[in-house]
Amino acid sequence: MKVAMTILNLEPIINDSRVRREGAALGRAHEVELIAVRRSGETCSDHLDGMRLQTFELVSRRLSASALSWFAGYMEYVLKSFLILIRKSADVYHAHDLYALPAAYAAAKLTRAKVVYDSHELFTERPIEGRRAWAALERLLLNRVDVVLAASEDRAEFMYAHYGARPRPRVILNCPSMFHRARTQGLRSSLPGSAREKLIVVYAGAVAASRRIEALVHAATEFDKEAVLAIVGARSAYRTEVLEPLVAALNLNHRVFFVDAVDSTEVVGFLSSADIGVVIYKNTCLNNFYCAPNKLFEYCMAGLAVIGCDFPAVACILREFRVGLTFDPESPTEVAKCVNTYAANREALTNAKERTQVVREQYNAEREGEKLEQIYEELVDRRRG
């Protein structure tokens, strides 16, 4: 079966681990092509993780930033991706997130193909421009597609209960592949000499204001003297204009360190020399509150104890498997208390790390890929019928 995926990627396509893992899983049994926007200066090969890759640039992105230029860019994306998609004559059009759904849906209607709406987030439960218009579009198309995928059980239930999604969306979690290679000293060796001997607390992911990282930096002022914080992620204006000056103002240069991002396929091995992984978000929207982030499962795959915000999906994993502790993300003192609990009780830390083995066996990309392949087998049967 021929599958055409499309995504309006706002970051380099190679960074989207969900798209890459799903494409790789489907590519084992189907012919998969990915249509994506190529950022200016981004180099892309013709293949990515078993998928054929076709990219294009948006001319309108060269316009000065404004709401009007963004809309022009989006319309350009919809038109260009639609024209590419209809030439693919795919059996299934797989739209990653709401941005991509209109083009995929229109192409599928024209070619009488199936449509999969892969909702990476609760798209309209975020603080976005034009929220009402996006919500109306999602409600219009939600029950006109053949399959809706959600990234967590809580998000699937929310879409069922509040958006009227029927049937209930199927869940494909954001989990990393099973890690079979030897663990490395990657992160630990990237820190200054004295810090390498400490208990390493790591935050890995988007270095953005929505992640509440300022609270994490403030929490470091209360860390046990044997603990240091490593913030791993791509350089950003938020890092250079907010976080780095904050670290300097709090005199934490000996305790808080910034490490540039590594390729998504190398994250687990790179993090494996740390001790505690941090999952932290601002509770500013339901999308954040119901998150089941990739980083939670990456930390467990790396064998780290986890401390995380007391949100439903995060707290459920930490408490059910006893691999970590929860905190109020608005309280730096609570964050520090979790770190210091493990700093003072290394046996508890070791036990939490060892229990991540059960999480790794239950939550991994291989199992999620099998679920996705089963969903596609059902689509094949329905198409034949």
Protein backbone atom coordinates (compact mmCIF):
# COMPACT_ATOMS: atom_id res chain seq x y z
CA MET A 1 0.00 0.00 0.00
CA LYS A 2 1.20 3.48 -0.83
CA VAL A 3 1.19 6.01 2.01
CA ALA A 4 1.72 9.76 1.55
CA MET A 5 2.52 11.66 4.74
CA THR A 6 2.54 15.43 4.98
CA ILE A 7 3.64 17.86 7.66
CA LEU A 8 4.08 21.62 7.95
CA ASN A 9 7.33 21.42 9.89
CA LEU A 10 8.35 24.57 11.73
CA GLU A 11 11.65 22.98 12.74
CA PRO A 12 14.04 20.89 10.61
CA ILE A 13 12.24 17.71 9.56
CA ILE A 14 15.06 15.55 10.93
CA ASN A 15 14.13 16.74 14.45
CA ASP A 16 10.57 15.39 14.36
CA SER A 17 11.03 12.03 16.06
CA ARG A 18 7.33 11.07 15.88
CA VAL A 19 7.21 11.50 12.11
CA ARG A 20 10.46 9.60 11.68
CA ARG A 21 9.47 6.68 13.92
CA GLU A 22 6.03 6.27 12.36
CA GLY A 23 7.46 6.46 8.85
CA ALA A 24 10.07 3.84 9.71
CA ALA A 25 7.45 1.52 11.22
CA LEU A 26 5.12 1.78 8.23
CA GLY A 27 8.00 1.52 5.77
CA ARG A 28 8.56 -2.09 6.75
CA ALA A 29 5.33 -3.13 5.00
CA HIS A 30 4.29 -0.15 2.87
CA GLU A 31 5.70 2.35 0.42
CA VAL A 32 5.92 5.59 2.38
CA GLU A 33 6.61 9.08 1.06
CA LEU A 34 6.95 12.17 3.23
CA ILE A 35 6.12 15.62 1.90
CA ALA A 36 7.55 18.39 4.05
CA VAL A 37 8.67 22.00 3.99
CA ARG A 38 12.39 22.58 3.61
CA ARG A 39 13.66 25.50 5.65
CA SER A 40 15.95 27.98 3.95
CA GLY A 41 19.47 26.55 3.99
CA GLU A 42 18.31 23.11 5.16
CA THR A 43 19.80 20.22 3.22
CA CYS A 44 17.70 17.08 2.85
CA SER A 45 18.44 13.76 1.19
CA ASP A 46 15.89 11.89 -0.91
CA HIS A 47 15.31 9.31 1.83
CA LEU A 48 14.81 9.43 5.58
CA ASP A 49 14.38 6.37 7.83
CA GLY A 50 13.04 4.22 4.99
CA MET A 51 10.75 6.92 3.60
CA ARG A 52 11.13 8.68 0.31
CA LEU A 53 11.37 12.37 1.11
CA GLN A 54 10.13 15.25 -1.04
CA THR A 55 10.63 18.75 0.30
CA PHE A 56 9.85 22.23 -0.95
CA GLU A 57 10.47 25.76 0.23
CA LEU A 58 7.90 28.44 1.00
CA VAL A 59 8.71 31.64 -0.87
CA SER A 60 6.41 33.61 1.43
CA ARG A 61 8.65 32.81 4.40
CA ARG A 62 11.01 35.45 3.07
CA LEU A 63 8.45 38.14 3.90
CA SER A 64 8.86 40.11 7.12
CA ALA A 65 7.17 38.37 10.05
CA SER A 66 3.51 39.29 10.56
CA ALA A 67 0.13 37.62 10.86
CA LEU A 68 -0.51 38.31 7.18
CA SER A 69 2.80 36.79 6.04
CA TRP A 70 2.16 33.72 8.20
CA PHE A 71 -1.27 33.26 6.60
CA ALA A 72 0.24 33.68 3.14
CA GLY A 73 2.84 31.07 4.01
CA TYR A 74 0.21 28.65 5.24
CA MET A 75 -1.90 29.07 2.11
CA GLU A 76 1.22 28.47 0.02
CA TYR A 77 1.92 25.30 2.01
CA VAL A 78 -1.65 23.98 1.57
CA LEU A 79 -1.62 24.59 -2.19
CA LYS A 80 1.85 23.19 -2.85
CA SER A 81 1.43 20.13 -0.65
CA PHE A 82 -2.02 19.43 -2.16
CA LEU A 83 -0.61 19.52 -5.70
CA ILE A 84 2.20 17.17 -4.70
CA LEU A 85 -0.13 14.82 -2.83
CA ILE A 86 -2.59 14.34 -5.67
CA ARG A 87 0.28 13.37 -7.98
CA LYS A 88 1.24 10.62 -5.53
CA SER A 89 -2.09 8.81 -5.98
CA ALA A 90 -1.63 7.24 -2.56
CA ASP A 91 -3.91 4.72 -0.88
CA VAL A 92 -3.66 6.60 2.43
CA TYR A 93 -2.95 10.26 3.11
CA HIS A 94 -1.46 10.67 6.58
CA ALA A 95 -1.63 14.24 7.94
CA HIS A 96 0.68 15.10 10.80
CA ASP A 97 -1.16 17.69 12.91
CA LEU A 98 -4.01 20.00 12.00
CA TYR A 99 -1.91 22.27 9.79
CA ALA A 100 -1.47 19.39 7.34
CA LEU A 101 -5.01 18.02 7.44
CA PRO A 102 -6.80 20.27 4.90
CA ALA A 103 -4.40 19.41 2.05
CA ALA A 104 -4.40 15.70 2.89
CA TYR A 105 -8.17 15.58 3.23
CA ALA A 106 -8.74 17.39 -0.09
CA ALA A 107 -6.28 15.12 -1.89
CA ALA A 108 -7.92 12.01 -0.44
CA LYS A 109 -11.40 13.13 -1.48
CA LEU A 110 -10.18 13.75 -5.02
CA THR A 111 -8.44 10.38 -5.29
CA ARG A 112 -10.91 8.38 -3.13
CA ALA A 113 -8.19 7.40 -0.68
CA LYS A 114 -8.23 6.94 3.10
CA VAL A 115 -7.23 9.71 5.51
CA VAL A 116 -5.35 9.48 8.81
CA TYR A 117 -5.30 12.54 11.07
CA ASP A 118 -2.29 12.26 13.38
CA SER A 119 -2.88 14.77 16.18
CA HIS A 120 0.50 15.29 17.83
CA GLU A 121 -1.09 17.59 20.41
CA LEU A 122 -4.42 18.96 21.54
CA PHE A 123 -3.89 21.47 18.79
CA THR A 124 -6.57 24.00 19.68
CA GLU A 125 -5.99 23.77 23.45
CA ARG A 126 -2.86 25.85 23.07
CA PRO A 127 -2.48 29.65 23.08
CA ILE A 128 -2.46 30.10 19.29
CA GLU A 129 -3.64 32.87 16.98
CA GLY A 130 -7.01 32.20 15.38
CA ARG A 131 -7.87 29.50 17.90
CA ARG A 132 -11.61 29.60 17.17
CA ALA A 133 -11.07 29.23 13.43
CA TRP A 134 -8.71 26.28 13.93
CA ALA A 135 -11.17 24.69 16.37
CA ALA A 136 -13.99 25.03 13.85
CA LEU A 137 -11.83 23.45 11.14
CA GLU A 138 -10.85 20.54 13.39
CA ARG A 139 -14.44 19.86 14.39
CA LEU A 140 -15.50 20.00 10.72
CA LEU A 141 -12.96 17.39 9.61
CA LEU A 142 -12.52 15.25 12.72
CA ASN A 143 -15.27 12.76 11.94
CA ARG A 144 -14.80 12.89 8.17
CA VAL A 145 -11.41 11.13 8.26
CA ASP A 146 -10.93 7.37 8.54
CA VAL A 147 -8.64 7.25 11.57
CA VAL A 148 -7.68 9.78 14.24
CA LEU A 149 -4.44 9.20 16.15
CA ALA A 150 -3.68 10.84 19.49
CA ALA A 151 -0.35 11.02 21.33
CA SER A 152 -1.68 10.02 24.77
CA GLU A 153 -4.65 8.30 26.39
CA ASP A 154 -5.70 11.52 28.11
CA ARG A 155 -5.67 13.47 24.86
CA ALA A 156 -7.64 10.73 23.11
CA GLU A 157 -10.26 10.80 25.87
CA PHE A 158 -10.45 14.60 25.73
CA MET A 159 -11.01 14.53 21.96
CA TYR A 160 -13.71 11.90 22.44
CA ALA A 161 -15.49 13.65 25.30
CA HIS A 162 -15.13 17.29 24.23
CA TYR A 163 -14.62 17.30 20.47
CA GLY A 164 -17.07 14.52 19.70
CA ALA A 165 -14.48 12.32 17.99
CA ARG A 166 -16.20 9.07 17.01
CA PRO A 167 -14.89 6.50 17.38
CA ARG A 168 -12.44 7.33 20.15
CA PRO A 169 -9.03 8.23 18.69
CA ARG A 170 -6.42 5.48 18.64
CA VAL A 171 -3.31 6.13 20.73
CA ILE A 172 0.26 6.05 19.43
CA LEU A 173 2.62 7.22 22.16
CA ASN A 174 5.83 9.15 21.59
CA CYS A 175 8.34 6.52 22.70
CA PRO A 176 11.97 5.99 21.68
CA SER A 177 13.29 2.77 20.19
CA MET A 178 14.68 0.11 22.49
CA PHE A 179 18.26 1.00 23.38
CA HIS A 180 20.61 -1.91 22.76
CA ARG A 181 23.97 -0.15 22.50
CA ALA A 182 26.49 0.35 25.28
CA ARG A 183 25.78 3.37 27.45
CA THR A 184 28.19 6.24 26.98
CA GLN A 185 29.64 9.06 29.04
CA GLY A 186 28.36 11.55 26.44
CA LEU A 187 26.62 14.07 28.66
CA ARG A 188 28.88 13.63 31.67
CA SER A 189 32.04 14.09 29.59
CA SER A 190 30.62 17.29 28.04
CA LEU A 191 30.57 19.02 31.45
CA PRO A 192 33.55 20.74 33.14
CA GLY A 193 35.85 18.47 35.14
CA SER A 194 34.49 19.10 38.64
CA ALA A 195 30.86 18.71 37.52
CA ARG A 196 31.53 15.26 36.08
CA GLU A 197 31.80 13.81 39.56
CA LYS A 198 28.43 15.19 40.70
CA LEU A 199 24.88 13.90 40.62
CA ILE A 200 23.69 15.13 37.20
CA VAL A 201 20.15 16.42 36.81
CA VAL A 202 19.28 16.90 33.13
CA TYR A 203 16.57 18.74 31.25
CA ALA A 204 16.58 17.76 27.56
CA GLY A 205 14.25 19.20 24.98
CA ALA A 206 12.96 22.48 23.63
CA VAL A 207 14.65 25.39 25.38
CA ALA A 208 11.51 27.51 25.33
CA ALA A 209 9.53 29.65 27.76
CA SER A 210 6.59 27.21 27.73
CA ARG A 211 8.79 24.60 29.43
CA ARG A 212 9.15 26.58 32.71
CA ILE A 213 12.93 26.28 32.63
CA GLU A 214 13.38 29.51 34.60
CA ALA A 215 11.81 27.75 37.58
CA LEU A 216 14.24 24.90 37.08
CA VAL A 217 17.18 27.32 37.16
CA HIS A 218 15.84 28.94 40.34
CA ALA A 219 15.44 25.45 41.82
CA ALA A 220 19.16 24.87 41.27
CA THR A 221 19.89 27.52 43.92
CA GLU A 222 18.46 25.04 46.45
CA PHE A 223 20.08 21.87 45.09
CA ASP A 224 22.25 19.73 47.35
CA LYS A 225 25.90 20.70 46.88
CA GLU A 226 26.53 17.39 45.14
CA ALA A 227 23.99 18.06 42.36
CA VAL A 228 24.38 20.00 39.11
CA LEU A 229 21.92 20.83 36.33
CA ALA A 230 22.54 20.30 32.60
CA ILE A 231 20.15 21.93 30.12
CA VAL A 232 20.42 20.09 26.79
CA GLY A 233 18.81 21.66 23.75
CA ALA A 234 19.26 23.77 20.65
CA ARG A 235 20.47 27.32 21.13
CA SER A 236 17.57 29.77 21.14
CA ALA A 237 16.84 33.42 21.89
CA TYR A 238 15.20 32.28 25.12
CA ARG A 239 18.42 30.56 26.18
CA THR A 240 20.77 33.43 25.31
CA GLU A 241 18.52 36.33 26.36
CA VAL A 242 16.76 34.88 29.40
CA LEU A 243 18.35 31.73 30.81
CA GLU A 244 22.06 32.46 30.48
CA PRO A 245 21.72 35.95 32.08
CA LEU A 246 19.58 34.40 34.84
CA VAL A 247 22.25 31.78 35.58
CA ALA A 248 24.88 34.53 35.77
CA ALA A 249 22.69 36.76 37.99
CA LEU A 250 22.10 33.88 40.43
CA ASN A 251 25.82 33.02 40.43
CA LEU A 252 25.10 29.48 39.22
CA ASN A 253 27.78 29.13 36.56
CA HIS A 254 29.38 26.39 38.68
CA ARG A 255 26.09 24.47 38.95
CA VAL A 256 24.04 25.04 35.77
CA PHE A 257 25.48 24.14 32.37
CA PHE A 258 24.15 24.47 28.82
CA VAL A 259 24.80 21.69 26.32
CA ASP A 260 23.88 21.89 22.64
CA ALA A 261 21.35 19.42 21.24
CA VAL A 262 22.38 16.11 19.74
CA ASP A 263 20.65 14.23 16.91
CA SER A 264 17.35 12.69 18.00
CA THR A 265 18.70 9.20 17.27
CA GLU A 266 21.58 9.76 19.71
CA VAL A 267 19.65 11.31 22.62
CA VAL A 268 19.14 8.18 24.73
CA GLY A 269 22.78 7.12 24.65
CA PHE A 270 23.96 10.68 25.27
CA LEU A 271 21.73 11.10 28.35
CA SER A 272 22.51 7.71 29.85
CA SER A 273 25.41 9.00 31.96
CA ALA A 274 23.13 11.39 33.88
CA ASP A 275 21.20 10.46 37.02
CA ILE A 276 17.86 12.31 37.03
CA GLY A 277 15.76 13.55 34.10
CA VAL A 278 13.35 16.48 34.47
CA VAL A 279 9.94 16.81 32.78
CA ILE A 280 8.63 20.33 33.30
CA TYR A 281 5.93 22.39 31.58
CA LYS A 282 3.93 25.45 32.41
CA ASN A 283 0.34 24.57 33.27
CA THR A 284 -0.98 27.23 30.92
CA CYS A 285 -3.21 25.09 28.69
CA LEU A 286 -4.86 21.70 28.52
CA ASN A 287 -2.40 20.57 25.87
CA ASN A 288 0.43 20.87 28.39
CA PHE A 289 -1.63 19.41 31.24
CA TYR A 290 -2.43 16.25 29.27
CA CYS A 291 1.03 15.77 27.78
CA ALA A 292 2.79 12.41 27.72
CA PRO A 293 6.08 13.74 26.39
CA ASN A 294 8.70 11.88 24.45
CA LYS A 295 11.32 12.99 27.01
CA LEU A 296 9.61 11.07 29.81
CA PHE A 297 10.12 7.81 27.93
CA GLU A 298 13.59 8.80 26.69
CA TYR A 299 14.76 9.35 30.26
CA CYS A 300 13.45 5.92 31.24
CA MET A 301 15.05 4.36 28.16
CA ALA A 302 18.33 5.98 29.25
CA GLY A 303 17.93 4.44 32.72
CA LEU A 304 17.41 7.71 34.60
CA ALA A 305 15.19 8.37 37.58
CA VAL A 306 12.62 11.01 36.62
CA ILE A 307 11.17 14.00 38.40
CA GLY A 308 8.18 15.55 36.67
CA CYS A 309 5.29 17.97 36.91
CA ASP A 310 2.26 16.54 38.66
CA PHE A 311 0.15 16.26 35.50
CA PRO A 312 -2.00 13.15 34.80
CA ALA A 313 0.05 11.17 32.27
CA VAL A 314 3.44 12.04 33.75
CA ALA A 315 2.37 11.32 37.33
CA CYS A 316 0.72 8.05 36.31
CA ILE A 317 3.97 6.62 34.88
CA LEU A 318 6.13 7.85 37.76
CA ARG A 319 3.82 6.48 40.45
CA GLU A 320 2.77 3.23 38.78
CA PHE A 321 6.33 2.14 38.06
CA ARG A 322 7.94 4.00 41.00
CA VAL A 323 10.62 5.49 38.78
CA GLY A 324 10.42 9.07 40.05
CA LEU A 325 8.86 11.89 42.01
CA THR A 326 6.38 14.65 41.13
CA PHE A 327 6.35 18.39 41.84
CA ASP A 328 4.31 21.52 41.27
CA PRO A 329 6.02 23.22 38.28
CA GLU A 330 5.23 26.61 39.79
CA SER A 331 7.35 25.83 42.86
CA PRO A 332 11.16 25.81 42.43
CA THR A 333 11.38 24.64 46.05
CA GLU A 334 9.37 21.50 45.24
CA VAL A 335 11.61 20.78 42.25
CA ALA A 336 14.71 21.11 44.44
CA LYS A 337 13.13 18.92 47.11
CA CYS A 338 12.76 16.08 44.61
CA VAL A 339 16.41 16.39 43.56
CA ASN A 340 17.60 16.57 47.14
CA THR A 341 15.54 13.52 48.12
CA TYR A 342 17.56 11.45 45.66
CA ALA A 343 20.84 13.20 46.54
CA ALA A 344 20.33 12.22 50.18
CA ASN A 345 19.15 8.68 49.45
CA ARG A 346 21.30 7.10 46.75
CA GLU A 347 19.72 3.69 47.33
CA ALA A 348 16.30 5.11 46.42
CA LEU A 349 17.89 6.67 43.32
CA THR A 350 19.45 3.38 42.29
CA ASN A 351 16.16 1.52 42.80
CA ALA A 352 14.25 4.06 40.69
CA LYS A 353 16.83 3.71 37.92
CA GLU A 354 16.59 -0.08 37.99
CA ARG A 355 12.79 0.01 37.78
CA THR A 356 12.97 1.92 34.48
CA GLN A 357 13.66 -1.45 32.85
CA VAL A 358 9.95 -2.30 33.16
CA VAL A 359 8.98 1.03 31.56
CA ARG A 360 11.42 0.40 28.71
CA GLU A 361 9.92 -2.99 27.99
CA GLN A 362 6.34 -1.67 27.96
CA TYR A 363 6.79 1.74 26.34
CA ASN A 364 8.99 1.71 23.26
CA ALA A 365 8.79 2.59 19.57
CA GLU A 366 8.75 -1.06 18.51
CA ARG A 367 5.50 -1.75 20.40
CA GLU A 368 3.95 1.52 19.25
CA GLY A 369 5.00 0.70 15.69
CA GLU A 370 3.19 -2.64 15.90
CA LYS A 371 0.04 -0.81 16.99
CA LEU A 372 0.35 1.57 14.05
CA GLU A 373 0.91 -1.29 11.60
CA GLN A 374 -2.25 -2.98 12.93
CA ILE A 375 -4.24 0.20 12.34
CA TYR A 376 -2.96 0.28 8.77
CA GLU A 377 -3.81 -3.38 8.25
CA GLU A 378 -7.38 -2.50 9.20
CA LEU A 379 -7.31 0.33 6.65
CA VAL A 380 -6.11 -2.11 4.00
CA ASP A 381 -9.01 -4.45 4.78
CA ARG A 382 -11.51 -1.59 4.67
CA ARG A 383 -10.14 -0.34 1.35
CA ARG A 384 -10.40 -3.80 -0.17
CA GLY A 385 -13.91 -4.18 1.19
